[in-house]
């Protein structure tokens, strides 16, 4: 109510439309605030999820467990060394190698693997390239390549040591794997890593308990664990 200069009372009426508009404006601003809060919460949740994913990827890539290699058996088809100069060695060997991916969430892509045999640090067979393959979580891959070296020159010293080993009927060779692998997490693929695997193989010739004759060959069951090293490369 308003009182004029004559003392009369007057009622002040506010249009209904003004009251309605004010209520609508308040409600509109309230809805905008709710939407803003909701967007901020969603953005924060998305940021936390992305941060967790980045942390997981960094952990997964920087701390993957190396594959486990086992030299299951070796079959010797030929192992002949010349007694006089020129000193040469001819060998034909088949090996069975298995690899297991021990990781729970990380896949392994074998991009290039070369397998060969060394004796006293000298390579005595040509490198055999294994086919590229992907290995899922806890998967096992088995290869059985033939490794051969024909008329490979060896030093007089190495020929002398080799002759002694052959006369004794036993010798130690190493099956080596050299190549590149990549770690895979979902659709994400890491850079290339160098892979070096060393599998010692103790061969016994002329020993009836040392192996199983397979025709003209000698098959040796080994189940020998291999030493595995990985390093980030180009």
C-alpha atoms as a PDB file:
ATOM      1  CA  UNK A   1       0.000   0.000   0.000  1.00  0.00           C
ATOM      2  CA  UNK A   2       1.011   3.613  -0.646  1.00  0.00           C
ATOM      3  CA  UNK A   3      -0.220   6.775   1.223  1.00  0.00           C
ATOM      4  CA  UNK A   4      -0.491   9.971  -0.807  1.00  0.00           C
ATOM      5  CA  UNK A   5      -0.315  13.554   0.460  1.00  0.00           C
ATOM      6  CA  UNK A   6      -4.061  13.550   1.183  1.00  0.00           C
ATOM      7  CA  UNK A   7      -3.714  10.597   3.537  1.00  0.00           C
ATOM      8  CA  UNK A   8      -5.574   8.173   1.315  1.00  0.00           C
ATOM      9  CA  UNK A   9      -4.336   4.607   0.986  1.00  0.00           C
ATOM     10  CA  UNK A  10      -3.632   3.246  -2.497  1.00  0.00           C
ATOM     11  CA  UNK A  11      -2.930  -0.389  -3.381  1.00  0.00           C
ATOM     12  CA  UNK A  12       0.106  -1.011  -5.615  1.00  0.00           C
ATOM     13  CA  UNK A  13      -0.527  -3.834  -8.028  1.00  0.00           C
ATOM     14  CA  UNK A  14       2.367  -5.691  -9.715  1.00  0.00           C
ATOM     15  CA  UNK A  15       1.521  -7.217 -13.073  1.00  0.00           C
ATOM     16  CA  UNK A  16       1.269 -10.991 -12.989  1.00  0.00           C
ATOM     17  CA  UNK A  17       3.439 -11.261 -16.108  1.00  0.00           C
ATOM     18  CA  UNK A  18       6.326  -9.556 -14.305  1.00  0.00           C
ATOM     19  CA  UNK A  19       6.107 -11.996 -11.386  1.00  0.00           C
ATOM     20  CA  UNK A  20       5.901 -14.916 -13.778  1.00  0.00           C
ATOM     21  CA  UNK A  21       8.901 -13.715 -15.783  1.00  0.00           C
ATOM     22  CA  UNK A  22      10.964 -13.270 -12.620  1.00  0.00           C
ATOM     23  CA  UNK A  23      10.160 -16.817 -11.520  1.00  0.00           C
ATOM     24  CA  UNK A  24      11.051 -18.127 -14.957  1.00  0.00           C
ATOM     25  CA  UNK A  25      14.336 -16.218 -14.921  1.00  0.00           C
ATOM     26  CA  UNK A  26      15.254 -17.690 -11.537  1.00  0.00           C
ATOM     27  CA  UNK A  27      14.350 -21.168 -12.706  1.00  0.00           C
ATOM     28  CA  UNK A  28      16.323 -20.691 -15.914  1.00  0.00           C
ATOM     29  CA  UNK A  29      19.429 -19.571 -14.036  1.00  0.00           C
ATOM     30  CA  UNK A  30      19.053 -22.507 -11.654  1.00  0.00           C
ATOM     31  CA  UNK A  31      18.900 -24.966 -14.570  1.00  0.00           C
ATOM     32  CA  UNK A  32      21.960 -23.357 -16.153  1.00  0.00           C
ATOM     33  CA  UNK A  33      23.895 -23.769 -12.912  1.00  0.00           C
ATOM     34  CA  UNK A  34      22.872 -27.428 -12.692  1.00  0.00           C
ATOM     35  CA  UNK A  35      24.003 -28.020 -16.286  1.00  0.00           C
ATOM     36  CA  UNK A  36      27.300 -26.264 -15.607  1.00  0.00           C
ATOM     37  CA  UNK A  37      27.927 -28.339 -12.485  1.00  0.00           C
ATOM     38  CA  UNK A  38      27.033 -31.518 -14.383  1.00  0.00           C
ATOM     39  CA  UNK A  39      29.447 -30.615 -17.184  1.00  0.00           C
ATOM     40  CA  UNK A  40      32.216 -29.854 -14.718  1.00  0.00           C
ATOM     41  CA  UNK A  41      31.678 -33.199 -12.977  1.00  0.00           C
ATOM     42  CA  UNK A  42      31.713 -35.046 -16.309  1.00  0.00           C
ATOM     43  CA  UNK A  43      34.854 -33.207 -17.413  1.00  0.00           C
ATOM     44  CA  UNK A  44      36.577 -34.038 -14.125  1.00  0.00           C
ATOM     45  CA  UNK A  45      35.565 -37.703 -14.413  1.00  0.00           C
ATOM     46  CA  UNK A  46      36.833 -37.832 -18.006  1.00  0.00           C
ATOM     47  CA  UNK A  47      40.104 -36.212 -16.987  1.00  0.00           C
ATOM     48  CA  UNK A  48      40.565 -38.730 -14.169  1.00  0.00           C
ATOM     49  CA  UNK A  49      39.803 -41.616 -16.553  1.00  0.00           C
ATOM     50  CA  UNK A  50      42.292 -40.308 -19.136  1.00  0.00           C
ATOM     51  CA  UNK A  51      44.923 -39.832 -16.440  1.00  0.00           C
ATOM     52  CA  UNK A  52      44.362 -43.383 -15.195  1.00  0.00           C
ATOM     53  CA  UNK A  53      44.651 -44.695 -18.770  1.00  0.00           C
ATOM     54  CA  UNK A  54      47.902 -42.805 -19.330  1.00  0.00           C
ATOM     55  CA  UNK A  55      49.325 -44.125 -16.049  1.00  0.00           C
ATOM     56  CA  UNK A  56      48.317 -47.669 -16.998  1.00  0.00           C
ATOM     57  CA  UNK A  57      49.845 -47.364 -20.461  1.00  0.00           C
ATOM     58  CA  UNK A  58      53.092 -45.981 -19.071  1.00  0.00           C
ATOM     59  CA  UNK A  59      53.248 -48.767 -16.495  1.00  0.00           C
ATOM     60  CA  UNK A  60      52.364 -51.416 -19.051  1.00  0.00           C
ATOM     61  CA  UNK A  61      54.890 -50.261 -21.628  1.00  0.00           C
ATOM     62  CA  UNK A  62      57.735 -49.560 -19.244  1.00  0.00           C
ATOM     63  CA  UNK A  63      57.248 -52.693 -17.137  1.00  0.00           C
ATOM     64  CA  UNK A  64      56.148 -55.568 -19.390  1.00  0.00           C
ATOM     65  CA  UNK A  65      57.239 -59.056 -18.425  1.00  0.00           C
ATOM     66  CA  UNK A  66      59.631 -60.585 -20.940  1.00  0.00           C
ATOM     67  CA  UNK A  67      58.495 -63.616 -22.931  1.00  0.00           C
ATOM     68  CA  UNK A  68      59.711 -66.980 -21.662  1.00  0.00           C
ATOM     69  CA  UNK A  69      61.593 -69.166 -24.129  1.00  0.00           C
ATOM     70  CA  UNK A  70      62.267 -72.881 -23.772  1.00  0.00           C
ATOM     71  CA  UNK A  71      64.461 -75.050 -25.998  1.00  0.00           C
ATOM     72  CA  UNK A  72      62.391 -78.225 -26.032  1.00  0.00           C
ATOM     73  CA  UNK A  73      64.528 -80.504 -28.175  1.00  0.00           C
ATOM     74  CA  UNK A  74      67.355 -80.670 -30.692  1.00  0.00           C
ATOM     75  CA  UNK A  75      67.631 -83.146 -33.563  1.00  0.00           C
ATOM     76  CA  UNK A  76      71.119 -83.503 -35.052  1.00  0.00           C
ATOM     77  CA  UNK A  77      71.109 -84.743 -38.658  1.00  0.00           C
ATOM     78  CA  UNK A  78      74.741 -83.991 -39.452  1.00  0.00           C
ATOM     79  CA  UNK A  79      77.701 -82.674 -37.504  1.00  0.00           C
ATOM     80  CA  UNK A  80      80.959 -83.249 -39.354  1.00  0.00           C
ATOM     81  CA  UNK A  81      84.303 -81.493 -38.955  1.00  0.00           C
ATOM     82  CA  UNK A  82      87.250 -81.863 -41.344  1.00  0.00           C
ATOM     83  CA  UNK A  83      90.368 -83.307 -39.696  1.00  0.00           C
ATOM     84  CA  UNK A  84      92.876 -81.381 -41.797  1.00  0.00           C
ATOM     85  CA  UNK A  85      93.168 -78.025 -43.459  1.00  0.00           C
ATOM     86  CA  UNK A  86      91.077 -76.360 -44.616  1.00  0.00           C
ATOM     87  CA  UNK A  87      89.252 -76.666 -41.306  1.00  0.00           C
ATOM     88  CA  UNK A  88      85.542 -76.638 -42.043  1.00  0.00           C
ATOM     89  CA  UNK A  89      82.381 -77.717 -40.229  1.00  0.00           C
ATOM     90  CA  UNK A  90      79.101 -78.936 -41.696  1.00  0.00           C
ATOM     91  CA  UNK A  91      76.018 -79.179 -39.492  1.00  0.00           C
ATOM     92  CA  UNK A  92      72.302 -79.756 -39.999  1.00  0.00           C
ATOM     93  CA  UNK A  93      70.212 -79.316 -36.872  1.00  0.00           C
ATOM     94  CA  UNK A  94      66.500 -78.963 -36.185  1.00  0.00           C
ATOM     95  CA  UNK A  95      65.409 -77.275 -32.963  1.00  0.00           C
ATOM     96  CA  UNK A  96      62.023 -76.926 -31.291  1.00  0.00           C
ATOM     97  CA  UNK A  97      61.567 -73.633 -29.464  1.00  0.00           C
ATOM     98  CA  UNK A  98      58.557 -72.436 -27.514  1.00  0.00           C
ATOM     99  CA  UNK A  99      57.725 -68.968 -26.279  1.00  0.00           C
ATOM    100  CA  UNK A 100      55.083 -67.979 -23.733  1.00  0.00           C
ATOM    101  CA  UNK A 101      53.651 -64.514 -23.124  1.00  0.00           C
ATOM    102  CA  UNK A 102      53.323 -64.272 -19.312  1.00  0.00           C
ATOM    103  CA  UNK A 103      51.531 -60.892 -19.353  1.00  0.00           C
ATOM    104  CA  UNK A 104      47.866 -60.521 -18.377  1.00  0.00           C
ATOM    105  CA  UNK A 105      46.979 -57.493 -20.526  1.00  0.00           C
ATOM    106  CA  UNK A 106      49.917 -57.011 -22.889  1.00  0.00           C
ATOM    107  CA  UNK A 107      50.267 -58.687 -26.272  1.00  0.00           C
ATOM    108  CA  UNK A 108      53.603 -59.318 -27.991  1.00  0.00           C
ATOM    109  CA  UNK A 109      54.241 -58.854 -31.700  1.00  0.00           C
ATOM    110  CA  UNK A 110      57.315 -60.711 -32.957  1.00  0.00           C
ATOM    111  CA  UNK A 111      58.314 -58.621 -35.942  1.00  0.00           C
ATOM    112  CA  UNK A 112      61.591 -60.294 -36.871  1.00  0.00           C
ATOM    113  CA  UNK A 113      63.368 -63.249 -35.282  1.00  0.00           C
ATOM    114  CA  UNK A 114      66.606 -64.791 -36.580  1.00  0.00           C
ATOM    115  CA  UNK A 115      67.652 -68.178 -35.172  1.00  0.00           C
ATOM    116  CA  UNK A 116      71.134 -69.667 -35.463  1.00  0.00           C
ATOM    117  CA  UNK A 117      73.615 -71.881 -33.603  1.00  0.00           C
ATOM    118  CA  UNK A 118      76.985 -70.897 -32.161  1.00  0.00           C
ATOM    119  CA  UNK A 119      79.861 -73.015 -30.886  1.00  0.00           C
ATOM    120  CA  UNK A 120      82.410 -71.353 -28.614  1.00  0.00           C
ATOM    121  CA  UNK A 121      81.035 -67.930 -29.667  1.00  0.00           C
ATOM    122  CA  UNK A 122      81.439 -68.683 -33.400  1.00  0.00           C
ATOM    123  CA  UNK A 123      78.314 -68.852 -35.536  1.00  0.00           C
ATOM    124  CA  UNK A 124      78.216 -72.249 -37.248  1.00  0.00           C
ATOM    125  CA  UNK A 125      74.816 -72.123 -39.021  1.00  0.00           C
ATOM    126  CA  UNK A 126      73.113 -69.628 -41.278  1.00  0.00           C
ATOM    127  CA  UNK A 127      70.455 -67.514 -39.559  1.00  0.00           C
ATOM    128  CA  UNK A 128      66.917 -68.733 -40.226  1.00  0.00           C
ATOM    129  CA  UNK A 129      64.150 -66.119 -40.210  1.00  0.00           C
ATOM    130  CA  UNK A 130      61.023 -67.060 -38.274  1.00  0.00           C
ATOM    131  CA  UNK A 131      57.653 -65.779 -39.553  1.00  0.00           C
ATOM    132  CA  UNK A 132      56.214 -62.678 -37.891  1.00  0.00           C
ATOM    133  CA  UNK A 133      53.494 -63.505 -35.389  1.00  0.00           C
ATOM    134  CA  UNK A 134      51.297 -62.001 -32.670  1.00  0.00           C
ATOM    135  CA  UNK A 135      51.133 -63.562 -29.229  1.00  0.00           C
ATOM    136  CA  UNK A 136      48.125 -62.815 -27.040  1.00  0.00           C
ATOM    137  CA  UNK A 137      47.897 -62.918 -23.260  1.00  0.00           C
ATOM    138  CA  UNK A 138      49.374 -66.173 -21.893  1.00  0.00           C
ATOM    139  CA  UNK A 139      49.581 -67.636 -25.412  1.00  0.00           C
ATOM    140  CA  UNK A 140      52.299 -70.132 -26.354  1.00  0.00           C
ATOM    141  CA  UNK A 141      54.021 -70.176 -29.747  1.00  0.00           C
ATOM    142  CA  UNK A 142      56.132 -73.096 -31.018  1.00  0.00           C
ATOM    143  CA  UNK A 143      58.691 -73.040 -33.836  1.00  0.00           C
ATOM    144  CA  UNK A 144      60.680 -75.959 -35.312  1.00  0.00           C
ATOM    145  CA  UNK A 145      63.196 -74.468 -37.761  1.00  0.00           C
ATOM    146  CA  UNK A 146      66.024 -76.290 -39.529  1.00  0.00           C
ATOM    147  CA  UNK A 147      69.422 -74.690 -38.919  1.00  0.00           C
ATOM    148  CA  UNK A 148      72.272 -75.590 -41.237  1.00  0.00           C
ATOM    149  CA  UNK A 149      75.795 -74.558 -42.074  1.00  0.00           C
ATOM    150  CA  UNK A 150      77.713 -76.117 -44.973  1.00  0.00           C
ATOM    151  CA  UNK A 151      81.527 -76.045 -45.053  1.00  0.00           C
ATOM    152  CA  UNK A 152      81.752 -73.254 -42.494  1.00  0.00           C
ATOM    153  CA  UNK A 153      85.421 -72.199 -42.023  1.00  0.00           C
ATOM    154  CA  UNK A 154      86.699 -72.516 -38.457  1.00  0.00           C
ATOM    155  CA  UNK A 155      90.038 -71.628 -36.901  1.00  0.00           C
ATOM    156  CA  UNK A 156      92.688 -74.318 -36.222  1.00  0.00           C
ATOM    157  CA  UNK A 157      92.232 -73.733 -32.484  1.00  0.00           C
ATOM    158  CA  UNK A 158      88.463 -74.185 -32.708  1.00  0.00           C
ATOM    159  CA  UNK A 159      88.915 -77.303 -34.819  1.00  0.00           C
ATOM    160  CA  UNK A 160      91.205 -78.772 -32.159  1.00  0.00           C
ATOM    161  CA  UNK A 161      88.722 -78.062 -29.357  1.00  0.00           C
ATOM    162  CA  UNK A 162      85.864 -79.403 -31.482  1.00  0.00           C
ATOM    163  CA  UNK A 163      87.758 -82.626 -32.191  1.00  0.00           C
ATOM    164  CA  UNK A 164      88.302 -83.117 -28.465  1.00  0.00           C
ATOM    165  CA  UNK A 165      84.591 -82.595 -27.756  1.00  0.00           C
ATOM    166  CA  UNK A 166      83.599 -85.028 -30.505  1.00  0.00           C
ATOM    167  CA  UNK A 167      86.039 -87.632 -29.181  1.00  0.00           C
ATOM    168  CA  UNK A 168      84.562 -87.264 -25.698  1.00  0.00           C
ATOM    169  CA  UNK A 169      81.075 -87.521 -27.187  1.00  0.00           C
ATOM    170  CA  UNK A 170      79.590 -84.314 -25.784  1.00  0.00           C
ATOM    171  CA  UNK A 171      79.680 -80.619 -26.543  1.00  0.00           C
ATOM    172  CA  UNK A 172      77.950 -77.384 -25.620  1.00  0.00           C
ATOM    173  CA  UNK A 173      76.365 -75.251 -28.326  1.00  0.00           C
ATOM    174  CA  UNK A 174      74.070 -72.251 -28.006  1.00  0.00           C
ATOM    175  CA  UNK A 175      70.859 -71.686 -29.927  1.00  0.00           C
ATOM    176  CA  UNK A 176      70.477 -67.937 -30.307  1.00  0.00           C
ATOM    177  CA  UNK A 177      67.496 -65.799 -31.255  1.00  0.00           C
ATOM    178  CA  UNK A 178      67.952 -62.172 -32.236  1.00  0.00           C
ATOM    179  CA  UNK A 179      65.172 -59.908 -33.433  1.00  0.00           C
ATOM    180  CA  UNK A 180      62.657 -57.191 -32.681  1.00  0.00           C
ATOM    181  CA  UNK A 181      59.392 -57.215 -30.757  1.00  0.00           C
ATOM    182  CA  UNK A 182      56.637 -54.728 -29.961  1.00  0.00           C
ATOM    183  CA  UNK A 183      54.343 -54.581 -26.934  1.00  0.00           C
ATOM    184  CA  UNK A 184      50.629 -54.140 -27.677  1.00  0.00           C
ATOM    185  CA  UNK A 185      47.978 -52.805 -25.283  1.00  0.00           C
ATOM    186  CA  UNK A 186      44.584 -52.738 -26.989  1.00  0.00           C
ATOM    187  CA  UNK A 187      45.049 -50.802 -30.221  1.00  0.00           C
ATOM    188  CA  UNK A 188      48.189 -49.081 -28.925  1.00  0.00           C
ATOM    189  CA  UNK A 189      51.545 -50.399 -30.190  1.00  0.00           C
ATOM    190  CA  UNK A 190      54.912 -49.579 -28.633  1.00  0.00           C
ATOM    191  CA  UNK A 191      58.143 -48.838 -30.430  1.00  0.00           C
ATOM    192  CA  UNK A 192      60.562 -51.587 -31.405  1.00  0.00           C
ATOM    193  CA  UNK A 193      62.463 -53.478 -28.724  1.00  0.00           C
ATOM    194  CA  UNK A 194      65.555 -55.592 -29.323  1.00  0.00           C
ATOM    195  CA  UNK A 195      65.148 -59.219 -28.274  1.00  0.00           C
ATOM    196  CA  UNK A 196      68.136 -61.450 -27.495  1.00  0.00           C
ATOM    197  CA  UNK A 197      67.625 -65.061 -26.436  1.00  0.00           C
ATOM    198  CA  UNK A 198      70.346 -67.561 -25.510  1.00  0.00           C
ATOM    199  CA  UNK A 199      69.492 -71.250 -25.147  1.00  0.00           C
ATOM    200  CA  UNK A 200      72.376 -73.526 -24.093  1.00  0.00           C
ATOM    201  CA  UNK A 201      72.177 -77.024 -25.567  1.00  0.00           C
ATOM    202  CA  UNK A 202      74.373 -79.801 -24.201  1.00  0.00           C
ATOM    203  CA  UNK A 203      74.718 -82.322 -27.018  1.00  0.00           C
ATOM    204  CA  UNK A 204      75.815 -85.895 -26.380  1.00  0.00           C
ATOM    205  CA  UNK A 205      77.089 -88.109 -29.185  1.00  0.00           C
ATOM    206  CA  UNK A 206      77.689 -91.843 -28.952  1.00  0.00           C
ATOM    207  CA  UNK A 207      75.942 -92.052 -25.578  1.00  0.00           C
ATOM    208  CA  UNK A 208      72.950 -94.416 -25.528  1.00  0.00           C
ATOM    209  CA  UNK A 209      71.367 -92.391 -22.703  1.00  0.00           C
ATOM    210  CA  UNK A 210      72.095 -89.059 -24.356  1.00  0.00           C
ATOM    211  CA  UNK A 211      69.369 -89.093 -26.975  1.00  0.00           C
ATOM    212  CA  UNK A 212      66.898 -91.034 -29.084  1.00  0.00           C
ATOM    213  CA  UNK A 213      68.026 -92.191 -32.543  1.00  0.00           C
ATOM    214  CA  UNK A 214      65.647 -90.952 -35.257  1.00  0.00           C
ATOM    215  CA  UNK A 215      66.714 -92.724 -38.449  1.00  0.00           C
ATOM    216  CA  UNK A 216      70.149 -91.311 -39.298  1.00  0.00           C
ATOM    217  CA  UNK A 217      69.602 -88.471 -36.813  1.00  0.00           C
ATOM    218  CA  UNK A 218      69.826 -88.121 -33.041  1.00  0.00           C
ATOM    219  CA  UNK A 219      67.013 -86.378 -31.147  1.00  0.00           C
ATOM    220  CA  UNK A 220      67.815 -84.887 -27.744  1.00  0.00           C
ATOM    221  CA  UNK A 221      65.012 -83.915 -25.353  1.00  0.00           C
ATOM    222  CA  UNK A 222      66.258 -80.898 -23.419  1.00  0.00           C
ATOM    223  CA  UNK A 223      63.445 -78.692 -22.037  1.00  0.00           C
ATOM    224  CA  UNK A 224      66.119 -76.081 -21.400  1.00  0.00           C
ATOM    225  CA  UNK A 225      65.060 -72.623 -20.190  1.00  0.00           C
ATOM    226  CA  UNK A 226      66.599 -69.756 -22.135  1.00  0.00           C
ATOM    227  CA  UNK A 227      68.029 -66.437 -21.018  1.00  0.00           C
ATOM    228  CA  UNK A 228      65.994 -63.533 -22.440  1.00  0.00           C
ATOM    229  CA  UNK A 229      66.950 -59.864 -22.688  1.00  0.00           C
ATOM    230  CA  UNK A 230      64.920 -56.972 -24.129  1.00  0.00           C
ATOM    231  CA  UNK A 231      66.019 -53.387 -24.707  1.00  0.00           C
ATOM    232  CA  UNK A 232      64.409 -50.377 -26.351  1.00  0.00           C
ATOM    233  CA  UNK A 233      65.810 -49.905 -29.837  1.00  0.00           C
ATOM    234  CA  UNK A 234      65.206 -48.131 -33.113  1.00  0.00           C
END
